[in-house]
C-alpha atoms as a PDB file:
ATOM      1  CA  MET A   1     125.148 -19.564 -42.715  1.00  0.00           C
ATOM      2  CA  ARG A   2     125.312 -16.056 -41.259  1.00  0.00           C
ATOM      3  CA  LYS A   3     126.731 -13.242 -43.385  1.00  0.00           C
ATOM      4  CA  LEU A   4     129.354 -10.823 -42.043  1.00  0.00           C
ATOM      5  CA  LEU A   5     130.546  -7.572 -43.597  1.00  0.00           C
ATOM      6  CA  LEU A   6     134.047  -6.721 -42.383  1.00  0.00           C
ATOM      7  CA  VAL A   7     135.296  -3.192 -43.135  1.00  0.00           C
ATOM      8  CA  ASP A   8     138.915  -2.146 -42.595  1.00  0.00           C
ATOM      9  CA  ASP A   9     141.412  -0.269 -44.732  1.00  0.00           C
ATOM     10  CA  GLU A  10     144.350  -2.436 -43.615  1.00  0.00           C
ATOM     11  CA  PRO A  11     144.664  -5.643 -45.686  1.00  0.00           C
ATOM     12  CA  GLY A  12     146.449  -7.583 -42.933  1.00  0.00           C
ATOM     13  CA  ILE A  13     143.668  -6.907 -40.466  1.00  0.00           C
ATOM     14  CA  ARG A  14     140.960  -7.874 -42.985  1.00  0.00           C
ATOM     15  CA  GLU A  15     142.773 -11.132 -43.737  1.00  0.00           C
ATOM     16  CA  ALA A  16     143.415 -12.016 -40.082  1.00  0.00           C
ATOM     17  CA  LEU A  17     139.856 -11.262 -38.958  1.00  0.00           C
ATOM     18  CA  SER A  18     138.458 -13.137 -41.953  1.00  0.00           C
ATOM     19  CA  ARG A  19     140.460 -16.236 -41.010  1.00  0.00           C
ATOM     20  CA  ILE A  20     139.290 -16.043 -37.398  1.00  0.00           C
ATOM     21  CA  HIS A  21     135.619 -15.573 -38.269  1.00  0.00           C
ATOM     22  CA  ARG A  22     135.547 -18.260 -40.979  1.00  0.00           C
ATOM     23  CA  HIS A  23     136.048 -20.790 -38.196  1.00  0.00           C
ATOM     24  CA  ASN A  24     132.770 -19.508 -36.739  1.00  0.00           C
ATOM     25  CA  ASP A  25     130.877 -20.657 -39.851  1.00  0.00           C
ATOM     26  CA  LEU A  26     130.345 -17.174 -41.282  1.00  0.00           C
ATOM     27  CA  ASP A  27     130.117 -16.117 -44.909  1.00  0.00           C
ATOM     28  CA  ILE A  28     132.452 -13.102 -44.950  1.00  0.00           C
ATOM     29  CA  THR A  29     132.483 -10.136 -47.310  1.00  0.00           C
ATOM     30  CA  THR A  30     135.304  -7.627 -46.886  1.00  0.00           C
ATOM     31  CA  ALA A  31     135.517  -3.964 -47.834  1.00  0.00           C
ATOM     32  CA  ALA A  32     138.626  -1.768 -47.816  1.00  0.00           C
ATOM     33  CA  THR A  33     136.884   1.588 -48.240  1.00  0.00           C
ATOM     34  CA  VAL A  34     133.673   3.293 -47.195  1.00  0.00           C
ATOM     35  CA  SER A  35     132.418   3.268 -50.800  1.00  0.00           C
ATOM     36  CA  GLU A  36     133.058  -0.504 -51.078  1.00  0.00           C
ATOM     37  CA  ALA A  37     131.185  -1.032 -47.819  1.00  0.00           C
ATOM     38  CA  LEU A  38     128.243   1.101 -48.955  1.00  0.00           C
ATOM     39  CA  SER A  39     128.031  -0.843 -52.231  1.00  0.00           C
ATOM     40  CA  ALA A  40     128.045  -4.141 -50.336  1.00  0.00           C
ATOM     41  CA  ILE A  41     125.315  -2.896 -47.972  1.00  0.00           C
ATOM     42  CA  MET A  42     123.109  -2.009 -50.931  1.00  0.00           C
ATOM     43  CA  SER A  43     123.710  -5.256 -52.828  1.00  0.00           C
ATOM     44  CA  CYS A  44     123.692  -7.942 -50.107  1.00  0.00           C
ATOM     45  CA  SER A  45     121.921  -8.766 -46.885  1.00  0.00           C
ATOM     46  CA  PHE A  46     124.093  -9.116 -43.762  1.00  0.00           C
ATOM     47  CA  ASP A  47     123.578 -10.426 -40.252  1.00  0.00           C
ATOM     48  CA  VAL A  48     126.644  -8.750 -38.748  1.00  0.00           C
ATOM     49  CA  LEU A  49     128.789  -5.702 -39.567  1.00  0.00           C
ATOM     50  CA  ILE A  50     132.203  -5.074 -38.042  1.00  0.00           C
ATOM     51  CA  SER A  51     133.728  -1.770 -39.130  1.00  0.00           C
ATOM     52  CA  ASP A  52     136.951  -0.051 -38.229  1.00  0.00           C
ATOM     53  CA  LEU A  53     136.376   3.382 -36.696  1.00  0.00           C
ATOM     54  CA  ASN A  54     138.799   5.010 -39.132  1.00  0.00           C
ATOM     55  CA  VAL A  55     138.458   3.566 -42.634  1.00  0.00           C
ATOM     56  CA  GLY A  56     140.757   6.031 -44.329  1.00  0.00           C
ATOM     57  CA  GLU A  57     139.517   9.153 -42.547  1.00  0.00           C
ATOM     58  CA  PRO A  58     138.969   9.706 -38.811  1.00  0.00           C
ATOM     59  CA  GLY A  59     135.506   8.559 -37.782  1.00  0.00           C
ATOM     60  CA  ASP A  60     134.262   7.561 -41.227  1.00  0.00           C
ATOM     61  CA  GLY A  61     133.376   4.103 -39.934  1.00  0.00           C
ATOM     62  CA  PHE A  62     130.295   5.806 -38.483  1.00  0.00           C
ATOM     63  CA  ARG A  63     129.101   6.439 -42.058  1.00  0.00           C
ATOM     64  CA  VAL A  64     129.194   2.687 -42.657  1.00  0.00           C
ATOM     65  CA  ILE A  65     127.364   1.925 -39.395  1.00  0.00           C
ATOM     66  CA  SER A  66     124.732   4.571 -40.129  1.00  0.00           C
ATOM     67  CA  ALA A  67     124.139   3.272 -43.663  1.00  0.00           C
ATOM     68  CA  MET A  68     123.752  -0.280 -42.377  1.00  0.00           C
ATOM     69  CA  ARG A  69     121.319   0.751 -39.650  1.00  0.00           C
ATOM     70  CA  HIS A  70     119.153   2.533 -42.228  1.00  0.00           C
ATOM     71  CA  ALA A  71     119.333  -0.115 -44.968  1.00  0.00           C
ATOM     72  CA  GLN A  72     119.323  -3.234 -42.790  1.00  0.00           C
ATOM     73  CA  PRO A  73     118.075  -2.372 -39.295  1.00  0.00           C
ATOM     74  CA  ASN A  74     118.179  -5.987 -38.091  1.00  0.00           C
ATOM     75  CA  CYS A  75     121.903  -6.311 -38.783  1.00  0.00           C
ATOM     76  CA  ARG A  76     124.044  -6.280 -35.643  1.00  0.00           C
ATOM     77  CA  THR A  77     126.656  -3.540 -35.959  1.00  0.00           C
ATOM     78  CA  PHE A  78     130.001  -3.231 -34.206  1.00  0.00           C
ATOM     79  CA  ILE A  79     132.692  -0.602 -34.524  1.00  0.00           C
ATOM     80  CA  TRP A  80     136.255  -1.187 -33.454  1.00  0.00           C
ATOM     81  CA  SER A  81     139.643   0.473 -33.613  1.00  0.00           C
ATOM     82  CA  ASP A  82     143.212  -0.653 -33.315  1.00  0.00           C
ATOM     83  CA  TRP A  83     143.719   2.500 -31.213  1.00  0.00           C
ATOM     84  CA  GLY A  84     146.824   3.410 -33.163  1.00  0.00           C
ATOM     85  CA  ASN A  85     146.099   7.046 -32.451  1.00  0.00           C
ATOM     86  CA  VAL A  86     144.026   7.243 -29.299  1.00  0.00           C
ATOM     87  CA  ILE A  87     143.587  11.024 -29.473  1.00  0.00           C
ATOM     88  CA  THR A  88     142.224  10.897 -33.042  1.00  0.00           C
ATOM     89  CA  ASP A  89     139.931   7.988 -32.187  1.00  0.00           C
ATOM     90  CA  LEU A  90     138.541   9.711 -29.096  1.00  0.00           C
ATOM     91  CA  LYS A  91     138.039  12.932 -31.082  1.00  0.00           C
ATOM     92  CA  SER A  92     136.139  10.968 -33.755  1.00  0.00           C
ATOM     93  CA  LEU A  93     133.876   9.421 -31.126  1.00  0.00           C
ATOM     94  CA  GLU A  94     133.292  12.807 -29.514  1.00  0.00           C
ATOM     95  CA  ASP A  95     132.504  14.470 -32.850  1.00  0.00           C
ATOM     96  CA  ALA A  96     130.046  11.718 -33.788  1.00  0.00           C
ATOM     97  CA  PHE A  97     128.297  11.931 -30.417  1.00  0.00           C
ATOM     98  CA  PHE A  98     127.924  15.699 -30.452  1.00  0.00           C
ATOM     99  CA  SER A  99     126.879  15.911 -34.106  1.00  0.00           C
ATOM    100  CA  ARG A 100     124.154  13.312 -33.468  1.00  0.00           C
ATOM    101  CA  ARG A 101     123.057  15.141 -30.326  1.00  0.00           C
ATOM    102  CA  LYS A 102     122.932  18.444 -32.219  1.00  0.00           C
ATOM    103  CA  ARG A 103     120.910  16.850 -35.053  1.00  0.00           C
ATOM    104  CA  LEU A 104     118.415  15.338 -32.598  1.00  0.00           C
ATOM    105  CA  ARG A 105     117.942  18.708 -30.884  1.00  0.00           C
ATOM    106  CA  ARG A 106     117.400  20.428 -34.242  1.00  0.00           C
ATOM    107  CA  GLU A 107     114.843  17.800 -35.315  1.00  0.00           C
ATOM    108  CA  SER A 108     113.041  18.145 -31.977  1.00  0.00           C
ATOM    109  CA  ALA A 109     112.898  21.949 -32.346  1.00  0.00           C
ATOM    110  CA  GLU A 110     111.574  21.613 -35.917  1.00  0.00           C
ATOM    111  CA  ARG A 111     108.818  19.253 -34.729  1.00  0.00           C
ATOM    112  CA  GLU A 112     107.831  21.689 -31.977  1.00  0.00           C
ATOM    113  CA  MET A 113     107.667  24.573 -34.434  1.00  0.00           C
ATOM    114  CA  SER A 114     105.577  22.637 -36.954  1.00  0.00           C
ATOM    115  CA  GLY A 115     103.201  21.081 -34.433  1.00  0.00           C
END
């Protein structure tokens, strides 16, 4: 049986998605906060992660995705949003993209300087 980690701060959404995915023969673990998700990632092995984009704070779902990609690189990761606040969600995506881009440029410059 495949294992799914489902992360969302809204109980109704966690319950509804859990019911839907149980019919797909998945063993589902749910997390309501980023810290719960991080604990689950460190204590269990998962095949699939579905995380809300905004788990309490705008864009903090990326922390969950990043942790999973580092701890369990073979896990398939998906991020979603109910798009309740499109402007906030788009800003979160933009911030994550540009902060990653900035970090990659900095790491590239550091490698050039050291090599």
